[in-house]
Every structure is written in structure tokens, then in C-alpha cells.
Amino acid sequence: MHYVYILQSELDKELYVGMTGDLKRRYLEHQRGNVEATKRRLPMKLLCYEAYLTKAEAMRREKFLKSSDGRKDIRKRIIESMIQ
């Protein structure tokens, strides 16, 4: 399995989108400050993740979520989940 995940910084509320083959390990790396992109924005919380059978599928989804349309989709989903 390959995972695409979305983290949110509890410090500045900014989002981080990533991909990994081992979600638990990668999340711990973020929490321990071992990831350059997020270490100054700790703590991070896991908002959601999606599982894919192939790395190629996960890479396509990660690329979309990092695009401007993907970011809009993420923010829309966050707002909708807060309403329900």
C-alpha cells in the first residue's frame, strides 16, 4: 500500500501533503522533527489519509493535492467536516 496524507500544523494551521509507503513511520518522523519541510511547524496533526495500491496512483493524487485546485479541494473538505 501507498498512502497520501495531509497534516496540519497546530502552530500556524498550514497544511502539508505527503506520500509514503509506511504511514506510521512517516508520521513519527514528522512528529520528531526529522522532516525538513515541517520541523519548524510542529506539532503536526494528521487530518486524513488515502490508501492506493500502486505508487503511481499515490504520486498522481499527491501531485493533484499540491496543485492550486487540490488545495482548494482540501480546504473545502476541511470546512465541510467542521460543519457536520
N, C-alpha and C. Protein backbone atom coordinates (compact mmCIF):
# COMPACT_ATOMS: atom_id res chain seq x y z
N MET A 1 0.83 -1.19 0.00
CA MET A 1 0.00 0.00 0.00
C MET A 1 0.87 1.25 0.00
N HIS A 2 0.33 2.27 -0.62
CA HIS A 2 0.97 3.58 -0.62
C HIS A 2 -0.06 4.59 -0.15
N TYR A 3 0.39 5.54 0.63
CA TYR A 3 -0.52 6.48 1.28
C TYR A 3 -0.21 7.91 0.89
N VAL A 4 -1.27 8.68 0.69
CA VAL A 4 -1.18 10.13 0.56
C VAL A 4 -1.82 10.66 1.83
N TYR A 5 -1.14 11.59 2.49
CA TYR A 5 -1.65 12.07 3.77
C TYR A 5 -1.59 13.59 3.83
N ILE A 6 -2.43 14.14 4.70
CA ILE A 6 -2.48 15.58 4.89
C ILE A 6 -2.28 15.85 6.37
N LEU A 7 -1.28 16.66 6.66
CA LEU A 7 -1.01 17.10 8.03
C LEU A 7 -1.36 18.57 8.14
N GLN A 8 -1.69 18.99 9.36
CA GLN A 8 -1.90 20.41 9.62
C GLN A 8 -1.05 20.80 10.82
N SER A 9 -0.35 21.90 10.66
CA SER A 9 0.46 22.42 11.75
C SER A 9 -0.45 23.02 12.81
N GLU A 10 -0.27 22.62 14.04
CA GLU A 10 -1.04 23.22 15.13
C GLU A 10 -0.47 24.59 15.48
N LEU A 11 0.72 24.88 15.00
CA LEU A 11 1.36 26.16 15.25
C LEU A 11 0.79 27.27 14.35
N ASP A 12 0.80 27.02 13.04
CA ASP A 12 0.36 28.06 12.10
C ASP A 12 -0.84 27.65 11.23
N LYS A 13 -1.39 26.45 11.48
CA LYS A 13 -2.57 25.93 10.77
C LYS A 13 -2.34 25.65 9.28
N GLU A 14 -1.11 25.73 8.80
CA GLU A 14 -0.81 25.43 7.40
C GLU A 14 -0.85 23.93 7.17
N LEU A 15 -1.10 23.56 5.92
CA LEU A 15 -1.23 22.16 5.55
C LEU A 15 0.04 21.64 4.89
N TYR A 16 0.26 20.34 5.03
CA TYR A 16 1.37 19.65 4.38
C TYR A 16 0.80 18.39 3.75
N VAL A 17 1.10 18.16 2.48
CA VAL A 17 0.65 16.97 1.77
C VAL A 17 1.88 16.11 1.47
N GLY A 18 1.80 14.83 1.78
CA GLY A 18 2.92 13.94 1.52
C GLY A 18 2.46 12.57 1.07
N MET A 19 3.43 11.74 0.71
CA MET A 19 3.17 10.38 0.26
C MET A 19 4.21 9.45 0.88
N THR A 20 3.78 8.25 1.22
CA THR A 20 4.69 7.29 1.84
C THR A 20 4.18 5.87 1.67
N GLY A 21 5.06 4.92 1.85
CA GLY A 21 4.68 3.51 1.87
C GLY A 21 4.45 3.01 3.29
N ASP A 22 4.84 3.81 4.29
CA ASP A 22 4.69 3.43 5.70
C ASP A 22 4.19 4.64 6.48
N LEU A 23 2.89 4.74 6.61
CA LEU A 23 2.28 5.93 7.20
C LEU A 23 2.67 6.14 8.66
N LYS A 24 2.67 5.10 9.45
CA LYS A 24 3.03 5.24 10.87
C LYS A 24 4.45 5.75 11.03
N ARG A 25 5.39 5.17 10.29
CA ARG A 25 6.79 5.59 10.38
C ARG A 25 6.94 7.04 9.95
N ARG A 26 6.30 7.40 8.85
CA ARG A 26 6.45 8.75 8.32
C ARG A 26 5.85 9.79 9.26
N TYR A 27 4.70 9.47 9.84
CA TYR A 27 4.08 10.40 10.79
C TYR A 27 5.00 10.61 12.00
N LEU A 28 5.60 9.55 12.49
CA LEU A 28 6.54 9.69 13.61
C LEU A 28 7.74 10.54 13.22
N GLU A 29 8.22 10.40 11.99
CA GLU A 29 9.33 11.24 11.53
C GLU A 29 8.94 12.72 11.56
N HIS A 30 7.73 13.01 11.13
CA HIS A 30 7.25 14.40 11.19
C HIS A 30 7.20 14.87 12.64
N GLN A 31 6.61 14.07 13.51
CA GLN A 31 6.43 14.47 14.91
C GLN A 31 7.76 14.67 15.64
N ARG A 32 8.76 13.92 15.25
CA ARG A 32 10.08 14.02 15.89
C ARG A 32 10.93 15.14 15.32
N GLY A 33 10.44 15.82 14.29
CA GLY A 33 11.20 16.92 13.70
C GLY A 33 12.24 16.46 12.71
N ASN A 34 12.11 15.25 12.17
CA ASN A 34 13.08 14.71 11.23
C ASN A 34 12.80 15.07 9.78
N VAL A 35 11.72 15.80 9.52
CA VAL A 35 11.35 16.18 8.16
C VAL A 35 11.57 17.68 8.01
N GLU A 36 12.48 18.03 7.12
CA GLU A 36 12.87 19.42 6.93
C GLU A 36 11.68 20.35 6.68
N ALA A 37 10.74 19.90 5.87
CA ALA A 37 9.61 20.76 5.47
C ALA A 37 8.66 21.10 6.62
N THR A 38 8.64 20.27 7.67
CA THR A 38 7.68 20.51 8.75
C THR A 38 8.31 20.73 10.12
N LYS A 39 9.60 20.58 10.25
CA LYS A 39 10.20 20.60 11.59
C LYS A 39 10.06 21.94 12.32
N ARG A 40 9.90 23.02 11.61
CA ARG A 40 9.74 24.33 12.26
C ARG A 40 8.27 24.67 12.50
N ARG A 41 7.37 23.73 12.16
CA ARG A 41 5.94 23.99 12.28
C ARG A 41 5.26 23.00 13.22
N LEU A 42 6.02 22.35 14.07
CA LEU A 42 5.48 21.34 14.99
C LEU A 42 4.66 21.98 16.10
N PRO A 43 3.73 21.23 16.65
CA PRO A 43 3.35 19.85 16.31
C PRO A 43 2.43 19.81 15.09
N MET A 44 2.44 18.66 14.45
CA MET A 44 1.58 18.42 13.29
C MET A 44 0.52 17.39 13.67
N LYS A 45 -0.69 17.58 13.15
CA LYS A 45 -1.72 16.56 13.37
C LYS A 45 -2.15 15.99 12.02
N LEU A 46 -2.44 14.71 12.03
CA LEU A 46 -2.87 14.01 10.82
C LEU A 46 -4.35 14.30 10.61
N LEU A 47 -4.67 14.97 9.50
CA LEU A 47 -6.07 15.26 9.20
C LEU A 47 -6.74 14.10 8.51
N CYS A 48 -6.06 13.51 7.51
CA CYS A 48 -6.63 12.39 6.79
C CYS A 48 -5.55 11.71 5.96
N TYR A 49 -5.90 10.54 5.46
CA TYR A 49 -5.01 9.84 4.53
C TYR A 49 -5.86 9.02 3.57
N GLU A 50 -5.26 8.70 2.43
CA GLU A 50 -5.89 7.86 1.42
C GLU A 50 -4.90 6.75 1.08
N ALA A 51 -5.41 5.55 0.85
CA ALA A 51 -4.56 4.39 0.52
C ALA A 51 -4.72 4.04 -0.96
N TYR A 52 -3.60 3.71 -1.60
CA TYR A 52 -3.57 3.34 -3.01
C TYR A 52 -2.78 2.05 -3.17
N LEU A 53 -3.17 1.26 -4.16
CA LEU A 53 -2.49 0.00 -4.41
C LEU A 53 -1.13 0.19 -5.07
N THR A 54 -1.00 1.24 -5.88
CA THR A 54 0.28 1.45 -6.58
C THR A 54 0.89 2.80 -6.20
N LYS A 55 2.19 2.84 -6.29
CA LYS A 55 2.91 4.08 -6.03
C LYS A 55 2.54 5.14 -7.06
N ALA A 56 2.34 4.73 -8.30
CA ALA A 56 1.99 5.69 -9.36
C ALA A 56 0.67 6.39 -9.07
N GLU A 57 -0.32 5.63 -8.59
CA GLU A 57 -1.61 6.24 -8.24
C GLU A 57 -1.44 7.25 -7.11
N ALA A 58 -0.68 6.87 -6.10
CA ALA A 58 -0.45 7.77 -4.96
C ALA A 58 0.29 9.02 -5.40
N MET A 59 1.26 8.87 -6.28
CA MET A 59 2.01 10.03 -6.76
C MET A 59 1.11 10.99 -7.54
N ARG A 60 0.20 10.44 -8.36
CA ARG A 60 -0.74 11.29 -9.10
C ARG A 60 -1.63 12.08 -8.15
N ARG A 61 -2.13 11.40 -7.12
CA ARG A 61 -3.01 12.06 -6.16
C ARG A 61 -2.26 13.13 -5.37
N GLU A 62 -1.05 12.83 -4.94
CA GLU A 62 -0.24 13.81 -4.21
C GLU A 62 0.01 15.03 -5.08
N LYS A 63 0.35 14.81 -6.33
CA LYS A 63 0.60 15.93 -7.25
C LYS A 63 -0.65 16.80 -7.38
N PHE A 64 -1.82 16.17 -7.53
CA PHE A 64 -3.05 16.95 -7.62
C PHE A 64 -3.29 17.75 -6.34
N LEU A 65 -3.16 17.12 -5.19
CA LEU A 65 -3.44 17.81 -3.93
C LEU A 65 -2.48 18.97 -3.67
N LYS A 66 -1.31 18.92 -4.27
CA LYS A 66 -0.35 20.02 -4.12
C LYS A 66 -0.60 21.15 -5.13
N SER A 67 -1.50 20.91 -6.09
CA SER A 67 -1.84 21.95 -7.07
C SER A 67 -2.82 22.94 -6.44
N SER A 68 -3.06 24.04 -7.12
CA SER A 68 -3.99 25.03 -6.57
C SER A 68 -5.41 24.47 -6.48
N ASP A 69 -5.84 23.70 -7.48
CA ASP A 69 -7.16 23.08 -7.41
C ASP A 69 -7.24 22.06 -6.27
N GLY A 70 -6.17 21.33 -6.07
CA GLY A 70 -6.13 20.35 -5.00
C GLY A 70 -6.20 21.01 -3.63
N ARG A 71 -5.48 22.12 -3.47
CA ARG A 71 -5.52 22.86 -2.20
C ARG A 71 -6.92 23.38 -1.92
N LYS A 72 -7.60 23.87 -2.96
CA LYS A 72 -8.99 24.34 -2.80
C LYS A 72 -9.88 23.19 -2.35
N ASP A 73 -9.69 22.01 -2.95
CA ASP A 73 -10.47 20.85 -2.59
C ASP A 73 -10.24 20.45 -1.13
N ILE A 74 -9.00 20.48 -0.70
CA ILE A 74 -8.67 20.15 0.69
C ILE A 74 -9.37 21.11 1.64
N ARG A 75 -9.24 22.40 1.39
CA ARG A 75 -9.83 23.40 2.28
C ARG A 75 -11.36 23.26 2.32
N LYS A 76 -11.98 22.98 1.17
CA LYS A 76 -13.42 22.78 1.11
C LYS A 76 -13.82 21.59 1.98
N ARG A 77 -13.07 20.51 1.89
CA ARG A 77 -13.39 19.31 2.67
C ARG A 77 -13.21 19.56 4.17
N ILE A 78 -12.20 20.33 4.53
CA ILE A 78 -11.97 20.64 5.95
C ILE A 78 -13.16 21.44 6.49
N ILE A 79 -13.59 22.44 5.73
CA ILE A 79 -14.72 23.26 6.17
C ILE A 79 -15.98 22.40 6.29
N GLU A 80 -16.22 21.55 5.31
CA GLU A 80 -17.40 20.68 5.35
C GLU A 80 -17.37 19.73 6.54
N SER A 81 -16.19 19.22 6.88
CA SER A 81 -16.10 18.29 8.01
C SER A 81 -16.32 19.01 9.34
N MET A 82 -16.03 20.28 9.39
CA MET A 82 -16.23 21.05 10.62
C MET A 82 -17.71 21.35 10.83
N ILE A 83 -18.46 21.45 9.74
CA ILE A 83 -19.89 21.76 9.83
C ILE A 83 -20.67 20.54 10.32
N GLN A 84 -20.26 19.35 9.89
CA GLN A 84 -21.01 18.13 10.23
C GLN A 84 -20.72 17.64 11.60
